[in-house]
Amino acid sequence: MNTTYSFRTDKGAKEQASAILKDLGTDLSSVFNMCMRQIIIQKGIPFDVNLGYNQETIDTLMEVKEGKNLNGPFDNLEAMKKALNA
Protein backbone atom coordinates (compact mmCIF):
# COMPACT_ATOMS: atom_id res chain seq x y z
CA MET A 1 0.00 0.00 0.00
CA ASN A 2 1.37 3.43 -0.95
CA THR A 3 0.97 6.66 0.96
CA THR A 4 1.63 10.26 0.01
CA TYR A 5 3.95 12.50 1.98
CA SER A 6 4.30 16.20 1.31
CA PHE A 7 6.80 18.71 2.69
CA ARG A 8 8.04 22.24 2.07
CA THR A 9 11.49 22.93 0.69
CA ASP A 10 13.40 25.70 -1.03
CA LYS A 11 12.38 25.96 -4.69
CA GLY A 12 15.95 26.46 -5.90
CA ALA A 13 17.24 23.48 -3.94
CA LYS A 14 14.47 21.27 -5.34
CA GLU A 15 15.24 22.36 -8.90
CA GLN A 16 18.98 21.79 -8.49
CA ALA A 17 18.51 18.39 -6.88
CA SER A 18 15.96 17.34 -9.50
CA ALA A 19 18.33 18.31 -12.33
CA ILE A 20 21.20 16.31 -10.81
CA LEU A 21 18.99 13.29 -10.20
CA LYS A 22 17.64 13.47 -13.76
CA ASP A 23 21.23 13.32 -15.06
CA LEU A 24 21.69 10.24 -12.86
CA GLY A 25 18.57 8.64 -14.31
CA THR A 26 16.37 8.91 -11.26
CA ASP A 27 14.06 11.36 -9.50
CA LEU A 28 13.35 12.82 -6.06
CA SER A 29 10.60 10.34 -5.27
CA SER A 30 12.86 7.35 -5.93
CA VAL A 31 15.71 8.83 -3.89
CA PHE A 32 13.41 9.60 -0.96
CA ASN A 33 12.14 6.01 -1.03
CA MET A 34 15.73 4.70 -1.08
CA CYS A 35 16.61 7.01 1.81
CA MET A 36 13.61 5.87 3.88
CA ARG A 37 14.51 2.22 3.31
CA GLN A 38 18.09 2.90 4.42
CA ILE A 39 16.82 4.67 7.56
CA ILE A 40 14.90 1.49 8.40
CA ILE A 41 17.83 -0.83 7.61
CA GLN A 42 20.42 1.25 9.47
CA LYS A 43 18.05 2.40 12.21
CA GLY A 44 19.31 5.96 11.76
CA ILE A 45 20.22 8.61 9.23
CA PRO A 46 22.09 6.80 6.43
CA PHE A 47 24.75 9.48 5.94
CA ASP A 48 26.95 11.74 8.06
CA VAL A 49 25.30 14.86 9.38
CA ASN A 50 27.87 17.35 10.62
CA LEU A 51 29.06 20.88 10.31
CA GLY A 52 32.47 19.89 9.00
CA TYR A 53 35.81 21.00 10.32
CA ASN A 54 36.94 24.59 10.62
CA GLN A 55 40.37 25.57 9.31
CA GLU A 56 42.00 25.46 12.76
CA THR A 57 40.85 21.86 13.26
CA ILE A 58 42.03 20.87 9.77
CA ASP A 59 45.44 22.43 10.43
CA THR A 60 45.73 20.66 13.79
CA LEU A 61 44.78 17.29 12.29
CA MET A 62 47.40 17.76 9.57
CA GLU A 63 50.05 18.60 12.20
CA VAL A 64 49.21 15.46 14.15
CA LYS A 65 49.33 13.36 10.98
CA GLU A 66 52.75 14.85 10.17
CA GLY A 67 53.97 14.34 13.75
CA LYS A 68 54.35 18.06 14.43
CA ASN A 69 53.67 19.91 17.70
CA LEU A 70 53.00 16.73 19.66
CA ASN A 71 53.35 16.62 23.45
CA GLY A 72 53.39 13.66 25.75
CA PRO A 73 53.11 11.03 26.94
CA PHE A 74 52.76 12.60 30.34
CA ASP A 75 53.70 11.08 33.67
CA ASN A 76 50.74 12.62 35.45
CA LEU A 77 47.80 14.97 35.10
CA GLU A 78 49.73 18.00 36.35
CA ALA A 79 52.40 17.55 33.66
CA MET A 80 49.71 17.39 31.00
CA LYS A 81 47.98 20.53 32.32
CA LYS A 82 51.31 22.37 32.41
CA ALA A 83 52.01 21.45 28.77
CA LEU A 84 48.51 22.45 27.68
CA ASN A 85 48.80 25.84 29.36
CA ALA A 86 52.29 26.56 28.00
PDB file of N, CA and C in Angstrom:
ATOM      1  N   MET A   1       0.837  -1.174   0.000  1.00  0.00           N
ATOM      2  CA  MET A   1       0.000   0.000   0.000  1.00  0.00           C
ATOM      3  C   MET A   1       0.889   1.246   0.000  1.00  0.00           C
ATOM      4  N   ASN A   2       0.614   2.185  -0.860  1.00  0.00           N
ATOM      5  CA  ASN A   2       1.370   3.431  -0.947  1.00  0.00           C
ATOM      6  C   ASN A   2       0.693   4.528  -0.149  1.00  0.00           C
ATOM      7  N   THR A   3       1.485   5.484   0.279  1.00  0.00           N
ATOM      8  CA  THR A   3       0.969   6.664   0.957  1.00  0.00           C
ATOM      9  C   THR A   3       1.661   7.886   0.366  1.00  0.00           C
ATOM     10  N   THR A   4       1.058   9.024   0.529  1.00  0.00           N
ATOM     11  CA  THR A   4       1.627  10.262   0.012  1.00  0.00           C
ATOM     12  C   THR A   4       2.156  11.085   1.168  1.00  0.00           C
ATOM     13  N   TYR A   5       3.342  11.644   0.974  1.00  0.00           N
ATOM     14  CA  TYR A   5       3.955  12.502   1.978  1.00  0.00           C
ATOM     15  C   TYR A   5       4.339  13.803   1.299  1.00  0.00           C
ATOM     16  N   SER A   6       3.988  14.907   1.909  1.00  0.00           N
ATOM     17  CA  SER A   6       4.305  16.197   1.309  1.00  0.00           C
ATOM     18  C   SER A   6       5.082  17.039   2.304  1.00  0.00           C
ATOM     19  N   PHE A   7       6.021  17.841   1.813  1.00  0.00           N
ATOM     20  CA  PHE A   7       6.800  18.711   2.685  1.00  0.00           C
ATOM     21  C   PHE A   7       7.204  19.968   1.930  1.00  0.00           C
ATOM     22  N   ARG A   8       7.609  20.973   2.674  1.00  0.00           N
ATOM     23  CA  ARG A   8       8.035  22.235   2.070  1.00  0.00           C
ATOM     24  C   ARG A   8       9.558  22.252   1.981  1.00  0.00           C
ATOM     25  N   THR A   9      10.050  22.792   0.871  1.00  0.00           N
ATOM     26  CA  THR A   9      11.490  22.933   0.689  1.00  0.00           C
ATOM     27  C   THR A   9      11.764  24.140  -0.195  1.00  0.00           C
ATOM     28  N   ASP A  10      12.988  24.572  -0.200  1.00  0.00           N
ATOM     29  CA  ASP A  10      13.397  25.701  -1.026  1.00  0.00           C
ATOM     30  C   ASP A  10      13.262  25.346  -2.504  1.00  0.00           C
ATOM     31  N   LYS A  11      12.628  26.221  -3.275  1.00  0.00           N
ATOM     32  CA  LYS A  11      12.378  25.957  -4.694  1.00  0.00           C
ATOM     33  C   LYS A  11      13.680  25.741  -5.462  1.00  0.00           C
ATOM     34  N   GLY A  12      14.669  26.584  -5.210  1.00  0.00           N
ATOM     35  CA  GLY A  12      15.948  26.455  -5.905  1.00  0.00           C
ATOM     36  C   GLY A  12      16.648  25.142  -5.598  1.00  0.00           C
ATOM     37  N   ALA A  13      16.616  24.742  -4.331  1.00  0.00           N
ATOM     38  CA  ALA A  13      17.243  23.479  -3.937  1.00  0.00           C
ATOM     39  C   ALA A  13      16.554  22.303  -4.620  1.00  0.00           C
ATOM     40  N   LYS A  14      15.227  22.345  -4.678  1.00  0.00           N
ATOM     41  CA  LYS A  14      14.474  21.269  -5.342  1.00  0.00           C
ATOM     42  C   LYS A  14      14.833  21.192  -6.818  1.00  0.00           C
ATOM     43  N   GLU A  15      14.911  22.346  -7.470  1.00  0.00           N
ATOM     44  CA  GLU A  15      15.238  22.363  -8.898  1.00  0.00           C
ATOM     45  C   GLU A  15      16.648  21.839  -9.154  1.00  0.00           C
ATOM     46  N   GLN A  16      17.603  22.259  -8.321  1.00  0.00           N
ATOM     47  CA  GLN A  16      18.981  21.790  -8.487  1.00  0.00           C
ATOM     48  C   GLN A  16      19.082  20.284  -8.261  1.00  0.00           C
ATOM     49  N   ALA A  17      18.468  19.817  -7.181  1.00  0.00           N
ATOM     50  CA  ALA A  17      18.513  18.386  -6.876  1.00  0.00           C
ATOM     51  C   ALA A  17      17.825  17.579  -7.970  1.00  0.00           C
ATOM     52  N   SER A  18      16.687  18.049  -8.444  1.00  0.00           N
ATOM     53  CA  SER A  18      15.958  17.341  -9.504  1.00  0.00           C
ATOM     54  C   SER A  18      16.791  17.239 -10.775  1.00  0.00           C
ATOM     55  N   ALA A  19      17.493  18.318 -11.123  1.00  0.00           N
ATOM     56  CA  ALA A  19      18.326  18.307 -12.329  1.00  0.00           C
ATOM     57  C   ALA A  19      19.467  17.301 -12.198  1.00  0.00           C
ATOM     58  N   ILE A  20      20.106  17.267 -11.038  1.00  0.00           N
ATOM     59  CA  ILE A  20      21.205  16.314 -10.814  1.00  0.00           C
ATOM     60  C   ILE A  20      20.678  14.889 -10.881  1.00  0.00           C
ATOM     61  N   LEU A  21      19.560  14.637 -10.212  1.00  0.00           N
ATOM     62  CA  LEU A  21      18.994  13.291 -10.200  1.00  0.00           C
ATOM     63  C   LEU A  21      18.545  12.865 -11.590  1.00  0.00           C
ATOM     64  N   LYS A  22      18.031  13.789 -12.380  1.00  0.00           N
ATOM     65  CA  LYS A  22      17.639  13.472 -13.757  1.00  0.00           C
ATOM     66  C   LYS A  22      18.857  13.012 -14.551  1.00  0.00           C
ATOM     67  N   ASP A  23      19.989  13.721 -14.390  1.00  0.00           N
ATOM     68  CA  ASP A  23      21.230  13.317 -15.062  1.00  0.00           C
ATOM     69  C   ASP A  23      21.681  11.927 -14.620  1.00  0.00           C
ATOM     70  N   LEU A  24      21.335  11.567 -13.388  1.00  0.00           N
ATOM     71  CA  LEU A  24      21.688  10.245 -12.858  1.00  0.00           C
ATOM     72  C   LEU A  24      20.658   9.177 -13.217  1.00  0.00           C
ATOM     73  N   GLY A  25      19.587   9.589 -13.882  1.00  0.00           N
ATOM     74  CA  GLY A  25      18.571   8.635 -14.315  1.00  0.00           C
ATOM     75  C   GLY A  25      17.547   8.284 -13.263  1.00  0.00           C
ATOM     76  N   THR A  26      17.348   9.174 -12.310  1.00  0.00           N
ATOM     77  CA  THR A  26      16.369   8.906 -11.262  1.00  0.00           C
ATOM     78  C   THR A  26      15.629  10.202 -10.918  1.00  0.00           C
ATOM     79  N   ASP A  27      14.813  10.165  -9.887  1.00  0.00           N
ATOM     80  CA  ASP A  27      14.062  11.356  -9.497  1.00  0.00           C
ATOM     81  C   ASP A  27      13.974  11.457  -7.975  1.00  0.00           C
ATOM     82  N   LEU A  28      13.441  12.584  -7.505  1.00  0.00           N
ATOM     83  CA  LEU A  28      13.353  12.820  -6.062  1.00  0.00           C
ATOM     84  C   LEU A  28      12.553  11.746  -5.339  1.00  0.00           C
ATOM     85  N   SER A  29      11.446  11.344  -5.913  1.00  0.00           N
ATOM     86  CA  SER A  29      10.599  10.341  -5.268  1.00  0.00           C
ATOM     87  C   SER A  29      11.363   9.036  -5.042  1.00  0.00           C
ATOM     88  N   SER A  30      12.087   8.595  -6.051  1.00  0.00           N
ATOM     89  CA  SER A  30      12.857   7.348  -5.927  1.00  0.00           C
ATOM     90  C   SER A  30      13.950   7.473  -4.876  1.00  0.00           C
ATOM     91  N   VAL A  31      14.632   8.624  -4.869  1.00  0.00           N
ATOM     92  CA  VAL A  31      15.706   8.828  -3.895  1.00  0.00           C
ATOM     93  C   VAL A  31      15.148   8.902  -2.476  1.00  0.00           C
ATOM     94  N   PHE A  32      14.011   9.557  -2.286  1.00  0.00           N
ATOM     95  CA  PHE A  32      13.407   9.601  -0.958  1.00  0.00           C
ATOM     96  C   PHE A  32      13.008   8.204  -0.497  1.00  0.00           C
ATOM     97  N   ASN A  33      12.482   7.386  -1.396  1.00  0.00           N
ATOM     98  CA  ASN A  33      12.137   6.012  -1.034  1.00  0.00           C
ATOM     99  C   ASN A  33      13.381   5.218  -0.659  1.00  0.00           C
ATOM    100  N   MET A  34      14.472   5.393  -1.426  1.00  0.00           N
ATOM    101  CA  MET A  34      15.727   4.705  -1.081  1.00  0.00           C
ATOM    102  C   MET A  34      16.218   5.158   0.288  1.00  0.00           C
ATOM    103  N   CYS A  35      16.148   6.460   0.535  1.00  0.00           N
ATOM    104  CA  CYS A  35      16.605   7.006   1.809  1.00  0.00           C
ATOM    105  C   CYS A  35      15.775   6.453   2.971  1.00  0.00           C
ATOM    106  N   MET A  36      14.462   6.408   2.813  1.00  0.00           N
ATOM    107  CA  MET A  36      13.612   5.868   3.879  1.00  0.00           C
ATOM    108  C   MET A  36      13.932   4.405   4.157  1.00  0.00           C
ATOM    109  N   ARG A  37      14.169   3.628   3.104  1.00  0.00           N
ATOM    110  CA  ARG A  37      14.508   2.217   3.313  1.00  0.00           C
ATOM    111  C   ARG A  37      15.841   2.079   4.054  1.00  0.00           C
ATOM    112  N   GLN A  38      16.803   2.940   3.731  1.00  0.00           N
ATOM    113  CA  GLN A  38      18.088   2.900   4.423  1.00  0.00           C
ATOM    114  C   GLN A  38      17.954   3.327   5.886  1.00  0.00           C
ATOM    115  N   ILE A  39      17.077   4.275   6.168  1.00  0.00           N
ATOM    116  CA  ILE A  39      16.819   4.668   7.557  1.00  0.00           C
ATOM    117  C   ILE A  39      16.326   3.463   8.346  1.00  0.00           C
ATOM    118  N   ILE A  40      15.445   2.687   7.745  1.00  0.00           N
ATOM    119  CA  ILE A  40      14.902   1.491   8.399  1.00  0.00           C
ATOM    120  C   ILE A  40      15.997   0.453   8.597  1.00  0.00           C
ATOM    121  N   ILE A  41      16.769   0.186   7.544  1.00  0.00           N
ATOM    122  CA  ILE A  41      17.828  -0.829   7.612  1.00  0.00           C
ATOM    123  C   ILE A  41      18.888  -0.450   8.640  1.00  0.00           C
ATOM    124  N   GLN A  42      19.329   0.813   8.605  1.00  0.00           N
ATOM    125  CA  GLN A  42      20.422   1.251   9.470  1.00  0.00           C
ATOM    126  C   GLN A  42      19.952   1.764  10.829  1.00  0.00           C
ATOM    127  N   LYS A  43      18.643   1.884  10.976  1.00  0.00           N
ATOM    128  CA  LYS A  43      18.051   2.397  12.213  1.00  0.00           C
ATOM    129  C   LYS A  43      18.635   3.769  12.576  1.00  0.00           C
ATOM    130  N   GLY A  44      18.777   4.615  11.569  1.00  0.00           N
ATOM    131  CA  GLY A  44      19.306   5.963  11.763  1.00  0.00           C
ATOM    132  C   GLY A  44      19.458   6.659  10.428  1.00  0.00           C
ATOM    133  N   ILE A  45      19.993   7.858  10.462  1.00  0.00           N
ATOM    134  CA  ILE A  45      20.221   8.614   9.234  1.00  0.00           C
ATOM    135  C   ILE A  45      21.348   7.934   8.459  1.00  0.00           C
ATOM    136  N   PRO A  46      21.129   7.622   7.188  1.00  0.00           N
ATOM    137  CA  PRO A  46      22.089   6.804   6.432  1.00  0.00           C
ATOM    138  C   PRO A  46      23.277   7.565   5.848  1.00  0.00           C
ATOM    139  N   PHE A  47      23.586   8.720   6.392  1.00  0.00           N
ATOM    140  CA  PHE A  47      24.748   9.482   5.942  1.00  0.00           C
ATOM    141  C   PHE A  47      25.185  10.385   7.084  1.00  0.00           C
ATOM    142  N   ASP A  48      26.438  10.870   7.009  1.00  0.00           N
ATOM    143  CA  ASP A  48      26.954  11.742   8.057  1.00  0.00           C
ATOM    144  C   ASP A  48      26.240  13.085   8.041  1.00  0.00           C
ATOM    145  N   VAL A  49      25.892  13.537   9.223  1.00  0.00           N
ATOM    146  CA  VAL A  49      25.301  14.861   9.377  1.00  0.00           C
ATOM    147  C   VAL A  49      26.216  15.623  10.327  1.00  0.00           C
ATOM    148  N   ASN A  50      26.945  16.589   9.784  1.00  0.00           N
ATOM    149  CA  ASN A  50      27.866  17.348  10.616  1.00  0.00           C
ATOM    150  C   ASN A  50      28.120  18.712  10.012  1.00  0.00           C
ATOM    151  N   LEU A  51      28.757  19.537  10.764  1.00  0.00           N
ATOM    152  CA  LEU A  51      29.060  20.882  10.312  1.00  0.00           C
ATOM    153  C   LEU A  51      30.420  20.959   9.629  1.00  0.00           C
ATOM    154  N   GLY A  52      31.148  19.869   9.611  1.00  0.00           N
ATOM    155  CA  GLY A  52      32.470  19.886   9.002  1.00  0.00           C
ATOM    156  C   GLY A  52      33.497  20.470   9.955  1.00  0.00           C
ATOM    157  N   TYR A  53      34.722  20.490   9.504  1.00  0.00           N
ATOM    158  CA  TYR A  53      35.815  21.003  10.318  1.00  0.00           C
ATOM    159  C   TYR A  53      36.132  22.437   9.935  1.00  0.00           C
ATOM    160  N   ASN A  54      36.468  23.249  10.931  1.00  0.00           N
ATOM    161  CA  ASN A  54      36.936  24.593  10.617  1.00  0.00           C
ATOM    162  C   ASN A  54      38.431  24.516  10.282  1.00  0.00           C
ATOM    163  N   GLN A  55      38.988  25.589   9.783  1.00  0.00           N
ATOM    164  CA  GLN A  55      40.374  25.567   9.310  1.00  0.00           C
ATOM    165  C   GLN A  55      41.355  25.246  10.432  1.00  0.00           C
ATOM    166  N   GLU A  56      41.105  25.742  11.638  1.00  0.00           N
ATOM    167  CA  GLU A  56      41.995  25.460  12.760  1.00  0.00           C
ATOM    168  C   GLU A  56      42.043  23.960  13.051  1.00  0.00           C
ATOM    169  N   THR A  57      40.901  23.304  13.022  1.00  0.00           N
ATOM    170  CA  THR A  57      40.854  21.862  13.259  1.00  0.00           C
ATOM    171  C   THR A  57      41.567  21.109  12.146  1.00  0.00           C
ATOM    172  N   ILE A  58      41.355  21.514  10.907  1.00  0.00           N
ATOM    173  CA  ILE A  58      42.025  20.872   9.770  1.00  0.00           C
ATOM    174  C   ILE A  58      43.533  21.004   9.913  1.00  0.00           C
ATOM    175  N   ASP A  59      44.004  22.212  10.254  1.00  0.00           N
ATOM    176  CA  ASP A  59      45.445  22.432  10.429  1.00  0.00           C
ATOM    177  C   ASP A  59      46.005  21.564  11.546  1.00  0.00           C
ATOM    178  N   THR A  60      45.282  21.474  12.663  1.00  0.00           N
ATOM    179  CA  THR A  60      45.730  20.660  13.795  1.00  0.00           C
ATOM    180  C   THR A  60      45.786  19.184  13.420  1.00  0.00           C
ATOM    181  N   LEU A  61      44.777  18.690  12.717  1.00  0.00           N
ATOM    182  CA  LEU A  61      44.778  17.290  12.286  1.00  0.00           C
ATOM    183  C   LEU A  61      45.949  17.001  11.357  1.00  0.00           C
ATOM    184  N   MET A  62      46.259  17.938  10.473  1.00  0.00           N
ATOM    185  CA  MET A  62      47.401  17.763   9.567  1.00  0.00           C
ATOM    186  C   MET A  62      48.715  17.741  10.347  1.00  0.00           C
ATOM    187  N   GLU A  63      48.844  18.596  11.369  1.00  0.00           N
ATOM    188  CA  GLU A  63      50.049  18.605  12.195  1.00  0.00           C
ATOM    189  C   GLU A  63      50.220  17.272  12.914  1.00  0.00           C
ATOM    190  N   VAL A  64      49.148  16.749  13.460  1.00  0.00           N
ATOM    191  CA  VAL A  64      49.209  15.458  14.151  1.00  0.00           C
ATOM    192  C   VAL A  64      49.614  14.366  13.170  1.00  0.00           C
ATOM    193  N   LYS A  65      49.011  14.369  11.997  1.00  0.00           N
ATOM    194  CA  LYS A  65      49.333  13.362  10.983  1.00  0.00           C
ATOM    195  C   LYS A  65      50.807  13.433  10.587  1.00  0.00           C
ATOM    196  N   GLU A  66      51.353  14.653  10.544  1.00  0.00           N
ATOM    197  CA  GLU A  66      52.752  14.852  10.168  1.00  0.00           C
ATOM    198  C   GLU A  66      53.696  14.733  11.361  1.00  0.00           C
ATOM    199  N   GLY A  67      53.149  14.494  12.558  1.00  0.00           N
ATOM    200  CA  GLY A  67      53.971  14.336  13.751  1.00  0.00           C
ATOM    201  C   GLY A  67      54.510  15.643  14.299  1.00  0.00           C
ATOM    202  N   LYS A  68      53.889  16.746  13.972  1.00  0.00           N
ATOM    203  CA  LYS A  68      54.348  18.064  14.429  1.00  0.00           C
ATOM    204  C   LYS A  68      53.586  18.499  15.675  1.00  0.00           C
ATOM    205  N   ASN A  69      54.279  19.288  16.511  1.00  0.00           N
ATOM    206  CA  ASN A  69      53.668  19.905  17.696  1.00  0.00           C
ATOM    207  C   ASN A  69      52.968  18.903  18.608  1.00  0.00           C
ATOM    208  N   LEU A  70      53.577  17.745  18.777  1.00  0.00           N
ATOM    209  CA  LEU A  70      53.002  16.729  19.662  1.00  0.00           C
ATOM    210  C   LEU A  70      53.641  16.829  21.039  1.00  0.00           C
ATOM    211  N   ASN A  71      52.859  16.650  22.075  1.00  0.00           N
ATOM    212  CA  ASN A  71      53.346  16.619  23.449  1.00  0.00           C
ATOM    213  C   ASN A  71      52.954  15.292  24.065  1.00  0.00           C
ATOM    214  N   GLY A  72      53.729  14.877  25.039  1.00  0.00           N
ATOM    215  CA  GLY A  72      53.386  13.656  25.754  1.00  0.00           C
ATOM    216  C   GLY A  72      54.217  12.491  25.279  1.00  0.00           C
ATOM    217  N   PRO A  73      54.072  11.323  25.864  1.00  0.00           N
ATOM    218  CA  PRO A  73      53.111  11.029  26.937  1.00  0.00           C
ATOM    219  C   PRO A  73      53.505  11.734  28.231  1.00  0.00           C
ATOM    220  N   PHE A  74      52.554  11.886  29.086  1.00  0.00           N
ATOM    221  CA  PHE A  74      52.758  12.599  30.336  1.00  0.00           C
ATOM    222  C   PHE A  74      52.790  11.601  31.484  1.00  0.00           C
ATOM    223  N   ASP A  75      53.591  11.948  32.495  1.00  0.00           N
ATOM    224  CA  ASP A  75      53.700  11.076  33.667  1.00  0.00           C
ATOM    225  C   ASP A  75      52.511  11.222  34.606  1.00  0.00           C
ATOM    226  N   ASN A  76      51.879  12.398  34.568  1.00  0.00           N
ATOM    227  CA  ASN A  76      50.740  12.623  35.451  1.00  0.00           C
ATOM    228  C   ASN A  76      49.874  13.752  34.903  1.00  0.00           C
ATOM    229  N   LEU A  77      48.759  13.968  35.536  1.00  0.00           N
ATOM    230  CA  LEU A  77      47.798  14.974  35.095  1.00  0.00           C
ATOM    231  C   LEU A  77      48.387  16.378  35.164  1.00  0.00           C
ATOM    232  N   GLU A  78      49.147  16.661  36.202  1.00  0.00           N
ATOM    233  CA  GLU A  78      49.733  17.998  36.353  1.00  0.00           C
ATOM    234  C   GLU A  78      50.689  18.309  35.210  1.00  0.00           C
ATOM    235  N   ALA A  79      51.472  17.339  34.775  1.00  0.00           N
ATOM    236  CA  ALA A  79      52.403  17.548  33.662  1.00  0.00           C
ATOM    237  C   ALA A  79      51.636  17.839  32.372  1.00  0.00           C
ATOM    238  N   MET A  80      50.528  17.149  32.188  1.00  0.00           N
ATOM    239  CA  MET A  80      49.713  17.387  31.000  1.00  0.00           C
ATOM    240  C   MET A  80      49.109  18.797  31.036  1.00  0.00           C
ATOM    241  N   LYS A  81      48.563  19.193  32.195  1.00  0.00           N
ATOM    242  CA  LYS A  81      47.978  20.528  32.321  1.00  0.00           C
ATOM    243  C   LYS A  81      49.023  21.604  32.070  1.00  0.00           C
ATOM    244  N   LYS A  82      50.236  21.395  32.599  1.00  0.00           N
ATOM    245  CA  LYS A  82      51.313  22.367  32.412  1.00  0.00           C
ATOM    246  C   LYS A  82      51.641  22.514  30.927  1.00  0.00           C
ATOM    247  N   ALA A  83      51.708  21.405  30.202  1.00  0.00           N
ATOM    248  CA  ALA A  83      52.013  21.447  28.767  1.00  0.00           C
ATOM    249  C   ALA A  83      50.882  22.115  27.991  1.00  0.00           C
ATOM    250  N   LEU A  84      49.647  21.859  28.372  1.00  0.00           N
ATOM    251  CA  LEU A  84      48.507  22.452  27.675  1.00  0.00           C
ATOM    252  C   LEU A  84      48.435  23.959  27.887  1.00  0.00           C
ATOM    253  N   ASN A  85      48.855  24.417  29.048  1.00  0.00           N
ATOM    254  CA  ASN A  85      48.795  25.844  29.357  1.00  0.00           C
ATOM    255  C   ASN A  85      50.046  26.602  28.932  1.00  0.00           C
ATOM    256  N   ALA A  86      51.022  25.912  28.403  1.00  0.00           N
ATOM    257  CA  ALA A  86      52.291  26.564  28.001  1.00  0.00           C
ATOM    258  C   ALA A  86      52.116  27.386  26.745  1.00  0.00           C
TER     259      ALA A  86
END
